[in-house]
Amino acid sequence: YVKPDTNSEEYKIAKAADRLAAFVK
């Protein structure tokens, strides 16, 4: 989790959520 699989669907969702949080800011 600290060093995730950056090619996984799960990671893509986490990254989208990161950007979504920035958008909300």
PDB file of all heavy atoms in Angstrom:
ATOM      1  N   TYR A   1       0.827  -1.218   0.000  1.00  0.00           N
ATOM      2  CA  TYR A   1       0.000   0.000   0.000  1.00  0.00           C
ATOM      3  C   TYR A   1       0.857   1.261   0.000  1.00  0.00           C
ATOM      4  O   TYR A   1       0.506   2.258  -0.624  1.00  0.00           O
ATOM      5  CB  TYR A   1      -0.945  -0.026   1.205  1.00  0.00           C
ATOM      6  CG  TYR A   1      -1.718  -1.311   1.233  1.00  0.00           C
ATOM      7  CD1 TYR A   1      -1.537  -2.246   2.248  1.00  0.00           C
ATOM      8  CD2 TYR A   1      -2.590  -1.647   0.186  1.00  0.00           C
ATOM      9  CE1 TYR A   1      -2.215  -3.453   2.238  1.00  0.00           C
ATOM     10  CE2 TYR A   1      -3.259  -2.854   0.164  1.00  0.00           C
ATOM     11  CZ  TYR A   1      -3.072  -3.755   1.195  1.00  0.00           C
ATOM     12  OH  TYR A   1      -3.736  -4.955   1.168  1.00  0.00           O
ATOM     13  N   VAL A   2       1.993   1.192   0.660  1.00  0.00           N
ATOM     14  CA  VAL A   2       2.931   2.316   0.646  1.00  0.00           C
ATOM     15  C   VAL A   2       3.615   2.408  -0.716  1.00  0.00           C
ATOM     16  O   VAL A   2       3.902   3.496  -1.207  1.00  0.00           O
ATOM     17  CB  VAL A   2       3.959   2.164   1.800  1.00  0.00           C
ATOM     18  CG1 VAL A   2       5.063   3.199   1.706  1.00  0.00           C
ATOM     19  CG2 VAL A   2       3.255   2.260   3.157  1.00  0.00           C
ATOM     20  N   LYS A   3       3.840   1.240  -1.347  1.00  0.00           N
ATOM     21  CA  LYS A   3       4.446   1.162  -2.676  1.00  0.00           C
ATOM     22  C   LYS A   3       3.507   0.376  -3.596  1.00  0.00           C
ATOM     23  O   LYS A   3       3.733  -0.799  -3.865  1.00  0.00           O
ATOM     24  CB  LYS A   3       5.828   0.506  -2.584  1.00  0.00           C
ATOM     25  CG  LYS A   3       6.807   1.287  -1.712  1.00  0.00           C
ATOM     26  CD  LYS A   3       8.137   0.585  -1.589  1.00  0.00           C
ATOM     27  CE  LYS A   3       8.867   0.692  -2.901  1.00  0.00           C
ATOM     28  NZ  LYS A   3      10.233   0.172  -2.845  1.00  0.00           N
ATOM     29  N   PRO A   4       2.425   1.028  -4.057  1.00  0.00           N
ATOM     30  CA  PRO A   4       1.348   0.309  -4.760  1.00  0.00           C
ATOM     31  C   PRO A   4       1.707  -0.138  -6.178  1.00  0.00           C
ATOM     32  O   PRO A   4       2.666   0.348  -6.774  1.00  0.00           O
ATOM     33  CB  PRO A   4       0.229   1.345  -4.801  1.00  0.00           C
ATOM     34  CG  PRO A   4       0.930   2.652  -4.802  1.00  0.00           C
ATOM     35  CD  PRO A   4       2.151   2.465  -3.941  1.00  0.00           C
ATOM     36  N   ASP A   5       0.880  -1.035  -6.674  1.00  0.00           N
ATOM     37  CA  ASP A   5       0.948  -1.461  -8.081  1.00  0.00           C
ATOM     38  C   ASP A   5       0.313  -0.358  -8.920  1.00  0.00           C
ATOM     39  O   ASP A   5      -0.904  -0.243  -9.000  1.00  0.00           O
ATOM     40  CB  ASP A   5       0.190  -2.776  -8.257  1.00  0.00           C
ATOM     41  CG  ASP A   5       0.078  -3.211  -9.711  1.00  0.00           C
ATOM     42  OD1 ASP A   5       0.659  -2.545 -10.597  1.00  0.00           O
ATOM     43  OD2 ASP A   5      -0.617  -4.215  -9.963  1.00  0.00           O
ATOM     44  N   THR A   6       1.147   0.463  -9.539  1.00  0.00           N
ATOM     45  CA  THR A   6       0.660   1.644 -10.251  1.00  0.00           C
ATOM     46  C   THR A   6      -0.060   1.308 -11.558  1.00  0.00           C
ATOM     47  O   THR A   6      -0.637   2.193 -12.184  1.00  0.00           O
ATOM     48  CB  THR A   6       1.807   2.635 -10.521  1.00  0.00           C
ATOM     49  OG1 THR A   6       2.831   1.969 -11.277  1.00  0.00           O
ATOM     50  CG2 THR A   6       2.395   3.162  -9.220  1.00  0.00           C
ATOM     51  N   ASN A   7      -0.044   0.055 -11.958  1.00  0.00           N
ATOM     52  CA  ASN A   7      -0.762  -0.349 -13.172  1.00  0.00           C
ATOM     53  C   ASN A   7      -2.140  -0.936 -12.881  1.00  0.00           C
ATOM     54  O   ASN A   7      -2.876  -1.266 -13.809  1.00  0.00           O
ATOM     55  CB  ASN A   7       0.066  -1.379 -13.963  1.00  0.00           C
ATOM     56  CG  ASN A   7       1.341  -0.764 -14.501  1.00  0.00           C
ATOM     57  OD1 ASN A   7       1.321   0.326 -15.048  1.00  0.00           O
ATOM     58  ND2 ASN A   7       2.452  -1.450 -14.313  1.00  0.00           N
ATOM     59  N   SER A   8      -2.490  -1.054 -11.613  1.00  0.00           N
ATOM     60  CA  SER A   8      -3.748  -1.703 -11.250  1.00  0.00           C
ATOM     61  C   SER A   8      -4.934  -0.748 -11.376  1.00  0.00           C
ATOM     62  O   SER A   8      -4.790   0.475 -11.319  1.00  0.00           O
ATOM     63  CB  SER A   8      -3.665  -2.220  -9.807  1.00  0.00           C
ATOM     64  OG  SER A   8      -3.612  -1.133  -8.904  1.00  0.00           O
ATOM     65  N   GLU A   9      -6.114  -1.322 -11.532  1.00  0.00           N
ATOM     66  CA  GLU A   9      -7.354  -0.535 -11.552  1.00  0.00           C
ATOM     67  C   GLU A   9      -7.552   0.179 -10.226  1.00  0.00           C
ATOM     68  O   GLU A   9      -8.041   1.306 -10.177  1.00  0.00           O
ATOM     69  CB  GLU A   9      -8.562  -1.451 -11.833  1.00  0.00           C
ATOM     70  CG  GLU A   9      -8.724  -1.813 -13.294  1.00  0.00           C
ATOM     71  CD  GLU A   9      -8.965  -0.598 -14.187  1.00  0.00           C
ATOM     72  OE1 GLU A   9      -9.870   0.200 -13.890  1.00  0.00           O
ATOM     73  OE2 GLU A   9      -8.221  -0.457 -15.167  1.00  0.00           O
ATOM     74  N   GLU A  10      -7.182  -0.495  -9.152  1.00  0.00           N
ATOM     75  CA  GLU A  10      -7.336   0.095  -7.824  1.00  0.00           C
ATOM     76  C   GLU A  10      -6.504   1.369  -7.686  1.00  0.00           C
ATOM     77  O   GLU A  10      -6.966   2.369  -7.136  1.00  0.00           O
ATOM     78  CB  GLU A  10      -6.943  -0.917  -6.744  1.00  0.00           C
ATOM     79  CG  GLU A  10      -7.912  -2.063  -6.579  1.00  0.00           C
ATOM     80  CD  GLU A  10      -7.749  -3.209  -7.585  1.00  0.00           C
ATOM     81  OE1 GLU A  10      -6.805  -3.167  -8.410  1.00  0.00           O
ATOM     82  OE2 GLU A  10      -8.565  -4.136  -7.558  1.00  0.00           O
ATOM     83  N   TYR A  11      -5.283   1.333  -8.215  1.00  0.00           N
ATOM     84  CA  TYR A  11      -4.426   2.522  -8.142  1.00  0.00           C
ATOM     85  C   TYR A  11      -4.997   3.657  -9.000  1.00  0.00           C
ATOM     86  O   TYR A  11      -4.979   4.817  -8.598  1.00  0.00           O
ATOM     87  CB  TYR A  11      -3.008   2.174  -8.598  1.00  0.00           C
ATOM     88  CG  TYR A  11      -2.060   3.351  -8.529  1.00  0.00           C
ATOM     89  CD1 TYR A  11      -1.512   3.748  -7.317  1.00  0.00           C
ATOM     90  CD2 TYR A  11      -1.716   4.071  -9.672  1.00  0.00           C
ATOM     91  CE1 TYR A  11      -0.648   4.828  -7.241  1.00  0.00           C
ATOM     92  CE2 TYR A  11      -0.856   5.152  -9.608  1.00  0.00           C
ATOM     93  CZ  TYR A  11      -0.321   5.525  -8.390  1.00  0.00           C
ATOM     94  OH  TYR A  11       0.527   6.598  -8.316  1.00  0.00           O
ATOM     95  N   LYS A  12      -5.524   3.317 -10.169  1.00  0.00           N
ATOM     96  CA  LYS A  12      -6.115   4.350 -11.039  1.00  0.00           C
ATOM     97  C   LYS A  12      -7.289   5.048 -10.344  1.00  0.00           C
ATOM     98  O   LYS A  12      -7.465   6.263 -10.472  1.00  0.00           O
ATOM     99  CB  LYS A  12      -6.557   3.736 -12.370  1.00  0.00           C
ATOM    100  CG  LYS A  12      -5.390   3.330 -13.246  1.00  0.00           C
ATOM    101  CD  LYS A  12      -5.846   2.606 -14.484  1.00  0.00           C
ATOM    102  CE  LYS A  12      -4.633   2.069 -15.234  1.00  0.00           C
ATOM    103  NZ  LYS A  12      -5.000   1.128 -16.280  1.00  0.00           N
ATOM    104  N   ILE A  13      -8.068   4.293  -9.603  1.00  0.00           N
ATOM    105  CA  ILE A  13      -9.181   4.895  -8.860  1.00  0.00           C
ATOM    106  C   ILE A  13      -8.648   5.791  -7.743  1.00  0.00           C
ATOM    107  O   ILE A  13      -9.143   6.908  -7.542  1.00  0.00           O
ATOM    108  CB  ILE A  13     -10.125   3.809  -8.314  1.00  0.00           C
ATOM    109  CG1 ILE A  13     -10.870   3.150  -9.478  1.00  0.00           C
ATOM    110  CG2 ILE A  13     -11.110   4.394  -7.296  1.00  0.00           C
ATOM    111  CD1 ILE A  13     -11.704   1.953  -9.099  1.00  0.00           C
ATOM    112  N   ALA A  14      -7.631   5.320  -7.030  1.00  0.00           N
ATOM    113  CA  ALA A  14      -7.033   6.135  -5.960  1.00  0.00           C
ATOM    114  C   ALA A  14      -6.475   7.440  -6.528  1.00  0.00           C
ATOM    115  O   ALA A  14      -6.645   8.517  -5.929  1.00  0.00           O
ATOM    116  CB  ALA A  14      -5.948   5.342  -5.229  1.00  0.00           C
ATOM    117  N   LYS A  15      -5.821   7.372  -7.679  1.00  0.00           N
ATOM    118  CA  LYS A  15      -5.272   8.591  -8.304  1.00  0.00           C
ATOM    119  C   LYS A  15      -6.380   9.524  -8.767  1.00  0.00           C
ATOM    120  O   LYS A  15      -6.263  10.751  -8.652  1.00  0.00           O
ATOM    121  CB  LYS A  15      -4.352   8.231  -9.478  1.00  0.00           C
ATOM    122  CG  LYS A  15      -3.014   7.666  -9.085  1.00  0.00           C
ATOM    123  CD  LYS A  15      -2.235   8.542  -8.125  1.00  0.00           C
ATOM    124  CE  LYS A  15      -1.658   9.765  -8.795  1.00  0.00           C
ATOM    125  NZ  LYS A  15      -0.860  10.612  -7.879  1.00  0.00           N
ATOM    126  N   ALA A  16      -7.454   8.966  -9.297  1.00  0.00           N
ATOM    127  CA  ALA A  16      -8.589   9.803  -9.694  1.00  0.00           C
ATOM    128  C   ALA A  16      -9.184  10.493  -8.470  1.00  0.00           C
ATOM    129  O   ALA A  16      -9.553  11.673  -8.522  1.00  0.00           O
ATOM    130  CB  ALA A  16      -9.646   8.965 -10.411  1.00  0.00           C
ATOM    131  N   ALA A  17      -9.263   9.777  -7.351  1.00  0.00           N
ATOM    132  CA  ALA A  17      -9.781  10.371  -6.115  1.00  0.00           C
ATOM    133  C   ALA A  17      -8.866  11.489  -5.620  1.00  0.00           C
ATOM    134  O   ALA A  17      -9.346  12.506  -5.101  1.00  0.00           O
ATOM    135  CB  ALA A  17      -9.941   9.296  -5.044  1.00  0.00           C
ATOM    136  N   ASP A  18      -7.574  11.318  -5.794  1.00  0.00           N
ATOM    137  CA  ASP A  18      -6.608  12.357  -5.423  1.00  0.00           C
ATOM    138  C   ASP A  18      -6.877  13.634  -6.222  1.00  0.00           C
ATOM    139  O   ASP A  18      -6.922  14.742  -5.679  1.00  0.00           O
ATOM    140  CB  ASP A  18      -5.189  11.828  -5.682  1.00  0.00           C
ATOM    141  CG  ASP A  18      -4.097  12.772  -5.203  1.00  0.00           C
ATOM    142  OD1 ASP A  18      -4.319  13.518  -4.230  1.00  0.00           O
ATOM    143  OD2 ASP A  18      -3.005  12.743  -5.810  1.00  0.00           O
ATOM    144  N   ARG A  19      -7.085  13.477  -7.510  1.00  0.00           N
ATOM    145  CA  ARG A  19      -7.396  14.633  -8.366  1.00  0.00           C
ATOM    146  C   ARG A  19      -8.776  15.204  -8.031  1.00  0.00           C
ATOM    147  O   ARG A  19      -8.981  16.415  -8.047  1.00  0.00           O
ATOM    148  CB  ARG A  19      -7.331  14.233  -9.838  1.00  0.00           C
ATOM    149  CG  ARG A  19      -5.955  13.825 -10.316  1.00  0.00           C
ATOM    150  CD  ARG A  19      -4.959  14.958 -10.243  1.00  0.00           C
ATOM    151  NE  ARG A  19      -5.148  15.852 -11.379  1.00  0.00           N
ATOM    152  CZ  ARG A  19      -4.700  17.091 -11.461  1.00  0.00           C
ATOM    153  NH1 ARG A  19      -4.052  17.631 -10.452  1.00  0.00           N
ATOM    154  NH2 ARG A  19      -4.909  17.823 -12.529  1.00  0.00           N
ATOM    155  N   LEU A  20      -9.715  14.329  -7.714  1.00  0.00           N
ATOM    156  CA  LEU A  20     -11.054  14.779  -7.351  1.00  0.00           C
ATOM    157  C   LEU A  20     -11.012  15.625  -6.076  1.00  0.00           C
ATOM    158  O   LEU A  20     -11.685  16.656  -5.977  1.00  0.00           O
ATOM    159  CB  LEU A  20     -11.972  13.564  -7.168  1.00  0.00           C
ATOM    160  CG  LEU A  20     -13.463  13.824  -7.022  1.00  0.00           C
ATOM    161  CD1 LEU A  20     -14.024  14.643  -8.178  1.00  0.00           C
ATOM    162  CD2 LEU A  20     -14.205  12.484  -6.923  1.00  0.00           C
ATOM    163  N   ALA A  21     -10.189  15.227  -5.111  1.00  0.00           N
ATOM    164  CA  ALA A  21     -10.027  16.017  -3.887  1.00  0.00           C
ATOM    165  C   ALA A  21      -9.437  17.391  -4.210  1.00  0.00           C
ATOM    166  O   ALA A  21      -9.843  18.403  -3.622  1.00  0.00           O
ATOM    167  CB  ALA A  21      -9.144  15.275  -2.886  1.00  0.00           C
ATOM    168  N   ALA A  22      -8.505  17.445  -5.146  1.00  0.00           N
ATOM    169  CA  ALA A  22      -7.936  18.729  -5.567  1.00  0.00           C
ATOM    170  C   ALA A  22      -9.003  19.594  -6.234  1.00  0.00           C
ATOM    171  O   ALA A  22      -9.069  20.809  -6.016  1.00  0.00           O
ATOM    172  CB  ALA A  22      -6.752  18.505  -6.508  1.00  0.00           C
ATOM    173  N   PHE A  23      -9.858  18.966  -7.025  1.00  0.00           N
ATOM    174  CA  PHE A  23     -10.948  19.692  -7.674  1.00  0.00           C
ATOM    175  C   PHE A  23     -11.909  20.263  -6.632  1.00  0.00           C
ATOM    176  O   PHE A  23     -12.322  21.423  -6.710  1.00  0.00           O
ATOM    177  CB  PHE A  23     -11.689  18.767  -8.644  1.00  0.00           C
ATOM    178  CG  PHE A  23     -12.797  19.442  -9.391  1.00  0.00           C
ATOM    179  CD1 PHE A  23     -12.530  20.331 -10.424  1.00  0.00           C
ATOM    180  CD2 PHE A  23     -14.120  19.208  -9.053  1.00  0.00           C
ATOM    181  CE1 PHE A  23     -13.555  20.964 -11.111  1.00  0.00           C
ATOM    182  CE2 PHE A  23     -15.154  19.837  -9.734  1.00  0.00           C
ATOM    183  CZ  PHE A  23     -14.866  20.720 -10.765  1.00  0.00           C
ATOM    184  N   VAL A  24     -12.233  19.461  -5.631  1.00  0.00           N
ATOM    185  CA  VAL A  24     -13.119  19.921  -4.560  1.00  0.00           C
ATOM    186  C   VAL A  24     -12.484  21.101  -3.813  1.00  0.00           C
ATOM    187  O   VAL A  24     -13.174  22.062  -3.458  1.00  0.00           O
ATOM    188  CB  VAL A  24     -13.465  18.756  -3.608  1.00  0.00           C
ATOM    189  CG1 VAL A  24     -14.119  19.252  -2.321  1.00  0.00           C
ATOM    190  CG2 VAL A  24     -14.364  17.746  -4.314  1.00  0.00           C
ATOM    191  N   LYS A  25     -11.173  21.047  -3.610  1.00  0.00           N
ATOM    192  CA  LYS A  25     -10.471  22.178  -2.976  1.00  0.00           C
ATOM    193  C   LYS A  25     -10.643  23.442  -3.815  1.00  0.00           C
ATOM    194  O   LYS A  25     -10.896  24.533  -3.285  1.00  0.00           O
ATOM    195  CB  LYS A  25      -8.990  21.837  -2.792  1.00  0.00           C
ATOM    196  CG  LYS A  25      -8.112  22.988  -2.347  1.00  0.00           C
ATOM    197  CD  LYS A  25      -8.482  23.508  -0.980  1.00  0.00           C
ATOM    198  CE  LYS A  25      -7.446  24.543  -0.505  1.00  0.00           C
ATOM    199  NZ  LYS A  25      -7.912  25.230   0.712  1.00  0.00           N
TER     200      LYS A  25
END
